[in-house]
Amino acid sequence: RSLPTQIERWSRIGKISEENSDLPYNFIKDILLAQKEVCDK
């Protein structure tokens, strides 16, 4: 990944984690992957 993309990724995961403190990291990662799959059809 590019450096900015990596920092944006950490920021996005951190924001989701703060908003949903009961969700484990792997669940958040799977949600982001599923969202990308929907966008990419």
PDB file of all heavy atoms in Angstrom:
ATOM      1  N   ARG A   1       0.853  -1.184   0.000  1.00  0.00           N
ATOM      2  CA  ARG A   1       0.000   0.000   0.000  1.00  0.00           C
ATOM      3  C   ARG A   1       0.891   1.236   0.000  1.00  0.00           C
ATOM      4  O   ARG A   1       2.041   1.174   0.378  1.00  0.00           O
ATOM      5  CB  ARG A   1      -0.864   0.050   1.264  1.00  0.00           C
ATOM      6  CG  ARG A   1      -1.807  -1.107   1.419  1.00  0.00           C
ATOM      7  CD  ARG A   1      -2.616  -0.961   2.707  1.00  0.00           C
ATOM      8  NE  ARG A   1      -3.483  -2.105   2.872  1.00  0.00           N
ATOM      9  CZ  ARG A   1      -3.503  -2.899   3.935  1.00  0.00           C
ATOM     10  NH1 ARG A   1      -2.706  -2.654   4.962  1.00  0.00           N
ATOM     11  NH2 ARG A   1      -4.303  -3.924   3.998  1.00  0.00           N
ATOM     12  N   SER A   2       0.307   2.360  -0.383  1.00  0.00           N
ATOM     13  CA  SER A   2       1.040   3.615  -0.257  1.00  0.00           C
ATOM     14  C   SER A   2       1.003   4.040   1.207  1.00  0.00           C
ATOM     15  O   SER A   2       0.144   3.600   1.990  1.00  0.00           O
ATOM     16  CB  SER A   2       0.402   4.698  -1.130  1.00  0.00           C
ATOM     17  OG  SER A   2      -0.865   5.059  -0.623  1.00  0.00           O
ATOM     18  N   LEU A   3       1.917   4.894   1.600  1.00  0.00           N
ATOM     19  CA  LEU A   3       1.961   5.398   2.972  1.00  0.00           C
ATOM     20  C   LEU A   3       0.649   6.102   3.348  1.00  0.00           C
ATOM     21  O   LEU A   3       0.060   5.790   4.395  1.00  0.00           O
ATOM     22  CB  LEU A   3       3.168   6.315   3.171  1.00  0.00           C
ATOM     23  CG  LEU A   3       3.331   6.941   4.541  1.00  0.00           C
ATOM     24  CD1 LEU A   3       3.471   5.878   5.626  1.00  0.00           C
ATOM     25  CD2 LEU A   3       4.538   7.870   4.544  1.00  0.00           C
ATOM     26  N   PRO A   4       0.137   7.023   2.520  1.00  0.00           N
ATOM     27  CA  PRO A   4      -1.138   7.662   2.877  1.00  0.00           C
ATOM     28  C   PRO A   4      -2.294   6.664   2.982  1.00  0.00           C
ATOM     29  O   PRO A   4      -3.131   6.775   3.873  1.00  0.00           O
ATOM     30  CB  PRO A   4      -1.386   8.662   1.740  1.00  0.00           C
ATOM     31  CG  PRO A   4      -0.037   8.924   1.168  1.00  0.00           C
ATOM     32  CD  PRO A   4       0.723   7.638   1.317  1.00  0.00           C
ATOM     33  N   THR A   5      -2.316   5.675   2.099  1.00  0.00           N
ATOM     34  CA  THR A   5      -3.376   4.675   2.143  1.00  0.00           C
ATOM     35  C   THR A   5      -3.308   3.870   3.433  1.00  0.00           C
ATOM     36  O   THR A   5      -4.333   3.565   4.047  1.00  0.00           O
ATOM     37  CB  THR A   5      -3.296   3.744   0.923  1.00  0.00           C
ATOM     38  OG1 THR A   5      -3.436   4.523  -0.268  1.00  0.00           O
ATOM     39  CG2 THR A   5      -4.381   2.683   0.953  1.00  0.00           C
ATOM     40  N   GLN A   6      -2.100   3.534   3.884  1.00  0.00           N
ATOM     41  CA  GLN A   6      -1.942   2.781   5.128  1.00  0.00           C
ATOM     42  C   GLN A   6      -2.432   3.600   6.321  1.00  0.00           C
ATOM     43  O   GLN A   6      -3.141   3.092   7.184  1.00  0.00           O
ATOM     44  CB  GLN A   6      -0.483   2.378   5.336  1.00  0.00           C
ATOM     45  CG  GLN A   6      -0.258   1.547   6.581  1.00  0.00           C
ATOM     46  CD  GLN A   6      -0.982   0.223   6.535  1.00  0.00           C
ATOM     47  OE1 GLN A   6      -0.924  -0.482   5.533  1.00  0.00           O
ATOM     48  NE2 GLN A   6      -1.650  -0.130   7.604  1.00  0.00           N
ATOM     49  N   ILE A   7      -2.077   4.872   6.362  1.00  0.00           N
ATOM     50  CA  ILE A   7      -2.497   5.732   7.468  1.00  0.00           C
ATOM     51  C   ILE A   7      -4.013   5.920   7.445  1.00  0.00           C
ATOM     52  O   ILE A   7      -4.676   5.875   8.487  1.00  0.00           O
ATOM     53  CB  ILE A   7      -1.738   7.064   7.434  1.00  0.00           C
ATOM     54  CG1 ILE A   7      -0.249   6.808   7.728  1.00  0.00           C
ATOM     55  CG2 ILE A   7      -2.335   8.068   8.419  1.00  0.00           C
ATOM     56  CD1 ILE A   7       0.654   7.991   7.507  1.00  0.00           C
ATOM     57  N   GLU A   8      -4.583   6.083   6.259  1.00  0.00           N
ATOM     58  CA  GLU A   8      -6.043   6.196   6.144  1.00  0.00           C
ATOM     59  C   GLU A   8      -6.721   4.911   6.625  1.00  0.00           C
ATOM     60  O   GLU A   8      -7.751   4.965   7.298  1.00  0.00           O
ATOM     61  CB  GLU A   8      -6.451   6.493   4.703  1.00  0.00           C
ATOM     62  CG  GLU A   8      -6.162   7.905   4.266  1.00  0.00           C
ATOM     63  CD  GLU A   8      -6.469   8.144   2.800  1.00  0.00           C
ATOM     64  OE1 GLU A   8      -6.912   7.193   2.099  1.00  0.00           O
ATOM     65  OE2 GLU A   8      -6.265   9.283   2.341  1.00  0.00           O
ATOM     66  N   ARG A   9      -6.146   3.769   6.312  1.00  0.00           N
ATOM     67  CA  ARG A   9      -6.708   2.484   6.742  1.00  0.00           C
ATOM     68  C   ARG A   9      -6.718   2.394   8.270  1.00  0.00           C
ATOM     69  O   ARG A   9      -7.731   2.052   8.870  1.00  0.00           O
ATOM     70  CB  ARG A   9      -5.915   1.336   6.141  1.00  0.00           C
ATOM     71  CG  ARG A   9      -6.400  -0.034   6.581  1.00  0.00           C
ATOM     72  CD  ARG A   9      -5.640  -1.144   5.866  1.00  0.00           C
ATOM     73  NE  ARG A   9      -6.021  -2.438   6.339  1.00  0.00           N
ATOM     74  CZ  ARG A   9      -7.108  -3.093   5.977  1.00  0.00           C
ATOM     75  NH1 ARG A   9      -7.925  -2.548   5.102  1.00  0.00           N
ATOM     76  NH2 ARG A   9      -7.387  -4.296   6.460  1.00  0.00           N
ATOM     77  N   TRP A  10      -5.588   2.705   8.889  1.00  0.00           N
ATOM     78  CA  TRP A  10      -5.526   2.680  10.349  1.00  0.00           C
ATOM     79  C   TRP A  10      -6.537   3.654  10.953  1.00  0.00           C
ATOM     80  O   TRP A  10      -7.185   3.345  11.952  1.00  0.00           O
ATOM     81  CB  TRP A  10      -4.125   3.019  10.829  1.00  0.00           C
ATOM     82  CG  TRP A  10      -3.144   1.892  10.731  1.00  0.00           C
ATOM     83  CD1 TRP A  10      -3.404   0.577  10.447  1.00  0.00           C
ATOM     84  CD2 TRP A  10      -1.743   1.985  10.934  1.00  0.00           C
ATOM     85  NE1 TRP A  10      -2.249  -0.148  10.466  1.00  0.00           N
ATOM     86  CE2 TRP A  10      -1.206   0.691  10.758  1.00  0.00           C
ATOM     87  CE3 TRP A  10      -0.891   3.025  11.227  1.00  0.00           C
ATOM     88  CZ2 TRP A  10       0.147   0.416  10.888  1.00  0.00           C
ATOM     89  CZ3 TRP A  10       0.459   2.754  11.362  1.00  0.00           C
ATOM     90  CH2 TRP A  10       0.974   1.466  11.189  1.00  0.00           C
ATOM     91  N   SER A  11      -6.657   4.809  10.357  1.00  0.00           N
ATOM     92  CA  SER A  11      -7.592   5.809  10.854  1.00  0.00           C
ATOM     93  C   SER A  11      -9.032   5.310  10.756  1.00  0.00           C
ATOM     94  O   SER A  11      -9.825   5.445  11.702  1.00  0.00           O
ATOM     95  CB  SER A  11      -7.428   7.102  10.061  1.00  0.00           C
ATOM     96  OG  SER A  11      -8.392   8.039  10.439  1.00  0.00           O
ATOM     97  N   ARG A  12      -9.367   4.714   9.641  1.00  0.00           N
ATOM     98  CA  ARG A  12     -10.734   4.206   9.428  1.00  0.00           C
ATOM     99  C   ARG A  12     -11.057   3.085  10.407  1.00  0.00           C
ATOM    100  O   ARG A  12     -12.120   3.070  11.024  1.00  0.00           O
ATOM    101  CB  ARG A  12     -10.874   3.716   7.994  1.00  0.00           C
ATOM    102  CG  ARG A  12     -12.263   3.308   7.629  1.00  0.00           C
ATOM    103  CD  ARG A  12     -12.376   3.036   6.153  1.00  0.00           C
ATOM    104  NE  ARG A  12     -13.749   2.736   5.815  1.00  0.00           N
ATOM    105  CZ  ARG A  12     -14.106   2.069   4.763  1.00  0.00           C
ATOM    106  NH1 ARG A  12     -13.207   1.638   3.900  1.00  0.00           N
ATOM    107  NH2 ARG A  12     -15.375   1.820   4.517  1.00  0.00           N
ATOM    108  N   ILE A  13     -10.118   2.142  10.571  1.00  0.00           N
ATOM    109  CA  ILE A  13     -10.336   1.039  11.509  1.00  0.00           C
ATOM    110  C   ILE A  13     -10.421   1.560  12.934  1.00  0.00           C
ATOM    111  O   ILE A  13     -11.269   1.112  13.721  1.00  0.00           O
ATOM    112  CB  ILE A  13      -9.235  -0.026  11.349  1.00  0.00           C
ATOM    113  CG1 ILE A  13      -9.407  -0.749  10.008  1.00  0.00           C
ATOM    114  CG2 ILE A  13      -9.283  -1.032  12.502  1.00  0.00           C
ATOM    115  CD1 ILE A  13      -8.259  -1.653   9.632  1.00  0.00           C
ATOM    116  N   GLY A  14      -9.592   2.519  13.289  1.00  0.00           N
ATOM    117  CA  GLY A  14      -9.645   3.111  14.621  1.00  0.00           C
ATOM    118  C   GLY A  14     -10.970   3.803  14.890  1.00  0.00           C
ATOM    119  O   GLY A  14     -11.533   3.666  15.983  1.00  0.00           O
ATOM    120  N   LYS A  15     -11.475   4.520  13.917  1.00  0.00           N
ATOM    121  CA  LYS A  15     -12.762   5.202  14.065  1.00  0.00           C
ATOM    122  C   LYS A  15     -13.879   4.190  14.264  1.00  0.00           C
ATOM    123  O   LYS A  15     -14.717   4.329  15.159  1.00  0.00           O
ATOM    124  CB  LYS A  15     -13.049   6.075  12.846  1.00  0.00           C
ATOM    125  CG  LYS A  15     -14.349   6.846  12.916  1.00  0.00           C
ATOM    126  CD  LYS A  15     -14.502   7.714  11.669  1.00  0.00           C
ATOM    127  CE  LYS A  15     -15.757   8.556  11.710  1.00  0.00           C
ATOM    128  NZ  LYS A  15     -16.981   7.799  11.555  1.00  0.00           N
ATOM    129  N   ILE A  16     -13.896   3.150  13.448  1.00  0.00           N
ATOM    130  CA  ILE A  16     -14.920   2.110  13.585  1.00  0.00           C
ATOM    131  C   ILE A  16     -14.810   1.437  14.948  1.00  0.00           C
ATOM    132  O   ILE A  16     -15.822   1.168  15.605  1.00  0.00           O
ATOM    133  CB  ILE A  16     -14.798   1.074  12.442  1.00  0.00           C
ATOM    134  CG1 ILE A  16     -15.150   1.717  11.099  1.00  0.00           C
ATOM    135  CG2 ILE A  16     -15.701  -0.128  12.698  1.00  0.00           C
ATOM    136  CD1 ILE A  16     -14.788   0.856   9.890  1.00  0.00           C
ATOM    137  N   SER A  17     -13.590   1.177  15.387  1.00  0.00           N
ATOM    138  CA  SER A  17     -13.380   0.544  16.691  1.00  0.00           C
ATOM    139  C   SER A  17     -13.894   1.416  17.832  1.00  0.00           C
ATOM    140  O   SER A  17     -14.505   0.916  18.781  1.00  0.00           O
ATOM    141  CB  SER A  17     -11.898   0.251  16.913  1.00  0.00           C
ATOM    142  OG  SER A  17     -11.445  -0.730  16.017  1.00  0.00           O
ATOM    143  N   GLU A  18     -13.650   2.705  17.758  1.00  0.00           N
ATOM    144  CA  GLU A  18     -14.140   3.609  18.808  1.00  0.00           C
ATOM    145  C   GLU A  18     -15.660   3.676  18.811  1.00  0.00           C
ATOM    146  O   GLU A  18     -16.286   3.738  19.869  1.00  0.00           O
ATOM    147  CB  GLU A  18     -13.560   5.008  18.631  1.00  0.00           C
ATOM    148  CG  GLU A  18     -12.140   5.128  19.102  1.00  0.00           C
ATOM    149  CD  GLU A  18     -11.649   6.565  19.140  1.00  0.00           C
ATOM    150  OE1 GLU A  18     -12.352   7.474  18.654  1.00  0.00           O
ATOM    151  OE2 GLU A  18     -10.549   6.779  19.668  1.00  0.00           O
ATOM    152  N   GLU A  19     -16.258   3.665  17.634  1.00  0.00           N
ATOM    153  CA  GLU A  19     -17.717   3.750  17.544  1.00  0.00           C
ATOM    154  C   GLU A  19     -18.396   2.428  17.894  1.00  0.00           C
ATOM    155  O   GLU A  19     -19.588   2.410  18.188  1.00  0.00           O
ATOM    156  CB  GLU A  19     -18.122   4.191  16.133  1.00  0.00           C
ATOM    157  CG  GLU A  19     -17.711   5.618  15.812  1.00  0.00           C
ATOM    158  CD  GLU A  19     -17.923   5.989  14.356  1.00  0.00           C
ATOM    159  OE1 GLU A  19     -18.179   5.086  13.518  1.00  0.00           O
ATOM    160  OE2 GLU A  19     -17.837   7.190  14.047  1.00  0.00           O
ATOM    161  N   ASN A  20     -17.660   1.316  17.812  1.00  0.00           N
ATOM    162  CA  ASN A  20     -18.215  -0.023  18.048  1.00  0.00           C
ATOM    163  C   ASN A  20     -17.230  -0.827  18.889  1.00  0.00           C
ATOM    164  O   ASN A  20     -16.674  -1.826  18.440  1.00  0.00           O
ATOM    165  CB  ASN A  20     -18.458  -0.739  16.716  1.00  0.00           C
ATOM    166  CG  ASN A  20     -19.363   0.043  15.797  1.00  0.00           C
ATOM    167  OD1 ASN A  20     -20.566  -0.002  15.925  1.00  0.00           O
ATOM    168  ND2 ASN A  20     -18.776   0.780  14.869  1.00  0.00           N
ATOM    169  N   SER A  21     -17.034  -0.400  20.108  1.00  0.00           N
ATOM    170  CA  SER A  21     -15.985  -0.992  20.941  1.00  0.00           C
ATOM    171  C   SER A  21     -16.201  -2.464  21.258  1.00  0.00           C
ATOM    172  O   SER A  21     -15.265  -3.149  21.674  1.00  0.00           O
ATOM    173  CB  SER A  21     -15.846  -0.196  22.238  1.00  0.00           C
ATOM    174  OG  SER A  21     -17.074  -0.220  22.946  1.00  0.00           O
ATOM    175  N   ASP A  22     -17.390  -2.973  21.022  1.00  0.00           N
ATOM    176  CA  ASP A  22     -17.660  -4.379  21.297  1.00  0.00           C
ATOM    177  C   ASP A  22     -17.297  -5.303  20.126  1.00  0.00           C
ATOM    178  O   ASP A  22     -17.343  -6.523  20.266  1.00  0.00           O
ATOM    179  CB  ASP A  22     -19.129  -4.578  21.669  1.00  0.00           C
ATOM    180  CG  ASP A  22     -20.083  -4.073  20.599  1.00  0.00           C
ATOM    181  OD1 ASP A  22     -19.744  -3.073  19.930  1.00  0.00           O
ATOM    182  OD2 ASP A  22     -21.167  -4.652  20.440  1.00  0.00           O
ATOM    183  N   LEU A  23     -16.942  -4.733  18.984  1.00  0.00           N
ATOM    184  CA  LEU A  23     -16.624  -5.552  17.812  1.00  0.00           C
ATOM    185  C   LEU A  23     -15.132  -5.887  17.771  1.00  0.00           C
ATOM    186  O   LEU A  23     -14.292  -5.008  17.885  1.00  0.00           O
ATOM    187  CB  LEU A  23     -16.991  -4.815  16.519  1.00  0.00           C
ATOM    188  CG  LEU A  23     -18.455  -4.482  16.300  1.00  0.00           C
ATOM    189  CD1 LEU A  23     -18.633  -3.759  14.970  1.00  0.00           C
ATOM    190  CD2 LEU A  23     -19.314  -5.725  16.358  1.00  0.00           C
ATOM    191  N   PRO A  24     -14.796  -7.162  17.554  1.00  0.00           N
ATOM    192  CA  PRO A  24     -13.381  -7.523  17.409  1.00  0.00           C
ATOM    193  C   PRO A  24     -12.828  -7.056  16.055  1.00  0.00           C
ATOM    194  O   PRO A  24     -13.570  -6.857  15.085  1.00  0.00           O
ATOM    195  CB  PRO A  24     -13.381  -9.049  17.510  1.00  0.00           C
ATOM    196  CG  PRO A  24     -14.778  -9.481  17.281  1.00  0.00           C
ATOM    197  CD  PRO A  24     -15.677  -8.314  17.562  1.00  0.00           C
ATOM    198  N   TYR A  25     -11.516  -6.905  16.014  1.00  0.00           N
ATOM    199  CA  TYR A  25     -10.851  -6.418  14.795  1.00  0.00           C
ATOM    200  C   TYR A  25     -11.207  -7.258  13.575  1.00  0.00           C
ATOM    201  O   TYR A  25     -11.507  -6.717  12.512  1.00  0.00           O
ATOM    202  CB  TYR A  25      -9.331  -6.384  14.991  1.00  0.00           C
ATOM    203  CG  TYR A  25      -8.594  -6.178  13.689  1.00  0.00           C
ATOM    204  CD1 TYR A  25      -8.583  -4.933  13.076  1.00  0.00           C
ATOM    205  CD2 TYR A  25      -7.945  -7.235  13.056  1.00  0.00           C
ATOM    206  CE1 TYR A  25      -7.936  -4.737  11.864  1.00  0.00           C
ATOM    207  CE2 TYR A  25      -7.299  -7.042  11.845  1.00  0.00           C
ATOM    208  CZ  TYR A  25      -7.298  -5.792  11.266  1.00  0.00           C
ATOM    209  OH  TYR A  25      -6.673  -5.606  10.061  1.00  0.00           O
ATOM    210  N   ASN A  26     -11.167  -8.583  13.699  1.00  0.00           N
ATOM    211  CA  ASN A  26     -11.442  -9.439  12.528  1.00  0.00           C
ATOM    212  C   ASN A  26     -12.845  -9.234  11.994  1.00  0.00           C
ATOM    213  O   ASN A  26     -13.067  -9.307  10.782  1.00  0.00           O
ATOM    214  CB  ASN A  26     -11.200 -10.910  12.862  1.00  0.00           C
ATOM    215  CG  ASN A  26      -9.733 -11.244  12.882  1.00  0.00           C
ATOM    216  OD1 ASN A  26      -8.933 -10.623  12.185  1.00  0.00           O
ATOM    217  ND2 ASN A  26      -9.353 -12.214  13.679  1.00  0.00           N
ATOM    218  N   PHE A  27     -13.802  -8.954  12.860  1.00  0.00           N
ATOM    219  CA  PHE A  27     -15.162  -8.688  12.416  1.00  0.00           C
ATOM    220  C   PHE A  27     -15.207  -7.380  11.632  1.00  0.00           C
ATOM    221  O   PHE A  27     -15.834  -7.290  10.574  1.00  0.00           O
ATOM    222  CB  PHE A  27     -16.109  -8.645  13.615  1.00  0.00           C
ATOM    223  CG  PHE A  27     -17.559  -8.597  13.236  1.00  0.00           C
ATOM    224  CD1 PHE A  27     -18.237  -9.743  12.846  1.00  0.00           C
ATOM    225  CD2 PHE A  27     -18.257  -7.397  13.275  1.00  0.00           C
ATOM    226  CE1 PHE A  27     -19.576  -9.699  12.483  1.00  0.00           C
ATOM    227  CE2 PHE A  27     -19.590  -7.336  12.917  1.00  0.00           C
ATOM    228  CZ  PHE A  27     -20.262  -8.490  12.522  1.00  0.00           C
ATOM    229  N   ILE A  28     -14.528  -6.357  12.142  1.00  0.00           N
ATOM    230  CA  ILE A  28     -14.460  -5.068  11.441  1.00  0.00           C
ATOM    231  C   ILE A  28     -13.803  -5.259  10.076  1.00  0.00           C
ATOM    232  O   ILE A  28     -14.281  -4.739   9.063  1.00  0.00           O
ATOM    233  CB  ILE A  28     -13.696  -4.033  12.282  1.00  0.00           C
ATOM    234  CG1 ILE A  28     -14.493  -3.693  13.542  1.00  0.00           C
ATOM    235  CG2 ILE A  28     -13.395  -2.768  11.469  1.00  0.00           C
ATOM    236  CD1 ILE A  28     -13.737  -2.875  14.566  1.00  0.00           C
ATOM    237  N   LYS A  29     -12.715  -6.006  10.041  1.00  0.00           N
ATOM    238  CA  LYS A  29     -12.016  -6.261   8.778  1.00  0.00           C
ATOM    239  C   LYS A  29     -12.937  -6.960   7.783  1.00  0.00           C
ATOM    240  O   LYS A  29     -12.980  -6.597   6.603  1.00  0.00           O
ATOM    241  CB  LYS A  29     -10.775  -7.114   9.055  1.00  0.00           C
ATOM    242  CG  LYS A  29      -9.902  -7.350   7.846  1.00  0.00           C
ATOM    243  CD  LYS A  29      -8.668  -8.130   8.209  1.00  0.00           C
ATOM    244  CE  LYS A  29      -9.065  -9.543   8.582  1.00  0.00           C
ATOM    245  NZ  LYS A  29      -7.972 -10.479   8.725  1.00  0.00           N
ATOM    246  N   ASP A  30     -13.704  -7.941   8.253  1.00  0.00           N
ATOM    247  CA  ASP A  30     -14.631  -8.657   7.369  1.00  0.00           C
ATOM    248  C   ASP A  30     -15.738  -7.743   6.851  1.00  0.00           C
ATOM    249  O   ASP A  30     -16.164  -7.858   5.696  1.00  0.00           O
ATOM    250  CB  ASP A  30     -15.230  -9.859   8.090  1.00  0.00           C
ATOM    251  CG  ASP A  30     -14.228 -10.973   8.317  1.00  0.00           C
ATOM    252  OD1 ASP A  30     -13.161 -10.967   7.658  1.00  0.00           O
ATOM    253  OD2 ASP A  30     -14.503 -11.857   9.158  1.00  0.00           O
ATOM    254  N   ILE A  31     -16.209  -6.824   7.691  1.00  0.00           N
ATOM    255  CA  ILE A  31     -17.223  -5.863   7.255  1.00  0.00           C
ATOM    256  C   ILE A  31     -16.661  -4.976   6.137  1.00  0.00           C
ATOM    257  O   ILE A  31     -17.318  -4.743   5.114  1.00  0.00           O
ATOM    258  CB  ILE A  31     -17.712  -4.991   8.429  1.00  0.00           C
ATOM    259  CG1 ILE A  31     -18.559  -5.820   9.387  1.00  0.00           C
ATOM    260  CG2 ILE A  31     -18.491  -3.769   7.927  1.00  0.00           C
ATOM    261  CD1 ILE A  31     -18.890  -5.111  10.683  1.00  0.00           C
ATOM    262  N   LEU A  32     -15.434  -4.476   6.321  1.00  0.00           N
ATOM    263  CA  LEU A  32     -14.821  -3.621   5.299  1.00  0.00           C
ATOM    264  C   LEU A  32     -14.623  -4.388   4.005  1.00  0.00           C
ATOM    265  O   LEU A  32     -14.830  -3.853   2.903  1.00  0.00           O
ATOM    266  CB  LEU A  32     -13.497  -3.057   5.815  1.00  0.00           C
ATOM    267  CG  LEU A  32     -13.607  -2.094   6.997  1.00  0.00           C
ATOM    268  CD1 LEU A  32     -12.227  -1.715   7.513  1.00  0.00           C
ATOM    269  CD2 LEU A  32     -14.407  -0.867   6.617  1.00  0.00           C
ATOM    270  N   LEU A  33     -14.222  -5.646   4.108  1.00  0.00           N
ATOM    271  CA  LEU A  33     -14.055  -6.484   2.916  1.00  0.00           C
ATOM    272  C   LEU A  33     -15.392  -6.690   2.214  1.00  0.00           C
ATOM    273  O   LEU A  33     -15.490  -6.571   0.987  1.00  0.00           O
ATOM    274  CB  LEU A  33     -13.432  -7.824   3.294  1.00  0.00           C
ATOM    275  CG  LEU A  33     -13.201  -8.808   2.159  1.00  0.00           C
ATOM    276  CD1 LEU A  33     -12.272  -8.215   1.103  1.00  0.00           C
ATOM    277  CD2 LEU A  33     -12.634 -10.103   2.693  1.00  0.00           C
ATOM    278  N   ALA A  34     -16.440  -6.971   2.969  1.00  0.00           N
ATOM    279  CA  ALA A  34     -17.768  -7.172   2.383  1.00  0.00           C
ATOM    280  C   ALA A  34     -18.264  -5.906   1.694  1.00  0.00           C
ATOM    281  O   ALA A  34     -18.840  -5.975   0.601  1.00  0.00           O
ATOM    282  CB  ALA A  34     -18.757  -7.614   3.459  1.00  0.00           C
ATOM    283  N   GLN A  35     -18.032  -4.747   2.321  1.00  0.00           N
ATOM    284  CA  GLN A  35     -18.437  -3.489   1.697  1.00  0.00           C
ATOM    285  C   GLN A  35     -17.726  -3.284   0.361  1.00  0.00           C
ATOM    286  O   GLN A  35     -18.328  -2.837  -0.613  1.00  0.00           O
ATOM    287  CB  GLN A  35     -18.149  -2.309   2.621  1.00  0.00           C
ATOM    288  CG  GLN A  35     -19.075  -2.216   3.794  1.00  0.00           C
ATOM    289  CD  GLN A  35     -18.718  -1.079   4.739  1.00  0.00           C
ATOM    290  OE1 GLN A  35     -17.567  -0.634   4.802  1.00  0.00           O
ATOM    291  NE2 GLN A  35     -19.698  -0.609   5.489  1.00  0.00           N
ATOM    292  N   LYS A  36     -16.440  -3.616   0.315  1.00  0.00           N
ATOM    293  CA  LYS A  36     -15.673  -3.479  -0.924  1.00  0.00           C
ATOM    294  C   LYS A  36     -16.207  -4.432  -1.987  1.00  0.00           C
ATOM    295  O   LYS A  36     -16.317  -4.066  -3.160  1.00  0.00           O
ATOM    296  CB  LYS A  36     -14.193  -3.750  -0.644  1.00  0.00           C
ATOM    297  CG  LYS A  36     -13.297  -3.653  -1.853  1.00  0.00           C
ATOM    298  CD  LYS A  36     -13.228  -2.257  -2.400  1.00  0.00           C
ATOM    299  CE  LYS A  36     -12.192  -2.198  -3.502  1.00  0.00           C
ATOM    300  NZ  LYS A  36     -12.474  -1.164  -4.475  1.00  0.00           N
ATOM    301  N   GLU A  37     -16.553  -5.651  -1.587  1.00  0.00           N
ATOM    302  CA  GLU A  37     -17.108  -6.612  -2.542  1.00  0.00           C
ATOM    303  C   GLU A  37     -18.431  -6.116  -3.116  1.00  0.00           C
ATOM    304  O   GLU A  37     -18.699  -6.288  -4.307  1.00  0.00           O
ATOM    305  CB  GLU A  37     -17.283  -7.975  -1.874  1.00  0.00           C
ATOM    306  CG  GLU A  37     -15.956  -8.659  -1.598  1.00  0.00           C
ATOM    307  CD  GLU A  37     -16.095  -9.906  -0.749  1.00  0.00           C
ATOM    308  OE1 GLU A  37     -17.195 -10.192  -0.234  1.00  0.00           O
ATOM    309  OE2 GLU A  37     -15.082 -10.617  -0.596  1.00  0.00           O
ATOM    310  N   VAL A  38     -19.264  -5.486  -2.279  1.00  0.00           N
ATOM    311  CA  VAL A  38     -20.527  -4.927  -2.766  1.00  0.00           C
ATOM    312  C   VAL A  38     -20.246  -3.827  -3.785  1.00  0.00           C
ATOM    313  O   VAL A  38     -20.838  -3.792  -4.866  1.00  0.00           O
ATOM    314  CB  VAL A  38     -21.385  -4.384  -1.593  1.00  0.00           C
ATOM    315  CG1 VAL A  38     -22.540  -3.545  -2.112  1.00  0.00           C
ATOM    316  CG2 VAL A  38     -21.884  -5.525  -0.732  1.00  0.00           C
ATOM    317  N   CYS A  39     -19.309  -2.932  -3.454  1.00  0.00           N
ATOM    318  CA  CYS A  39     -18.970  -1.832  -4.376  1.00  0.00           C
ATOM    319  C   CYS A  39     -18.420  -2.354  -5.701  1.00  0.00           C
ATOM    320  O   CYS A  39     -18.683  -1.776  -6.754  1.00  0.00           O
ATOM    321  CB  CYS A  39     -17.946  -0.904  -3.732  1.00  0.00           C
ATOM    322  SG  CYS A  39     -18.618   0.098  -2.399  1.00  0.00           S
ATOM    323  N   ASP A  40     -17.656  -3.440  -5.636  1.00  0.00           N
ATOM    324  CA  ASP A  40     -17.057  -4.011  -6.847  1.00  0.00           C
ATOM    325  C   ASP A  40     -17.953  -5.026  -7.541  1.00  0.00           C
ATOM    326  O   ASP A  40     -17.539  -5.667  -8.505  1.00  0.00           O
ATOM    327  CB  ASP A  40     -15.716  -4.682  -6.501  1.00  0.00           C
ATOM    328  CG  ASP A  40     -14.664  -3.687  -6.086  1.00  0.00           C
ATOM    329  OD1 ASP A  40     -14.862  -2.472  -6.294  1.00  0.00           O
ATOM    330  OD2 ASP A  40     -13.624  -4.126  -5.535  1.00  0.00           O
ATOM    331  N   LYS A  41     -19.175  -5.193  -7.030  1.00  0.00           N
ATOM    332  CA  LYS A  41     -20.142  -6.141  -7.580  1.00  0.00           C
ATOM    333  C   LYS A  41     -19.569  -7.553  -7.671  1.00  0.00           C
ATOM    334  O   LYS A  41     -19.739  -8.265  -8.654  1.00  0.00           O
ATOM    335  CB  LYS A  41     -20.644  -5.667  -8.942  1.00  0.00           C
ATOM    336  CG  LYS A  41     -21.373  -4.340  -8.893  1.00  0.00           C
ATOM    337  CD  LYS A  41     -21.957  -3.982 -10.218  1.00  0.00           C
ATOM    338  CE  LYS A  41     -22.589  -2.629 -10.309  1.00  0.00           C
ATOM    339  NZ  LYS A  41     -23.173  -1.993  -9.234  1.00  0.00           N
TER     340      LYS A  41
END
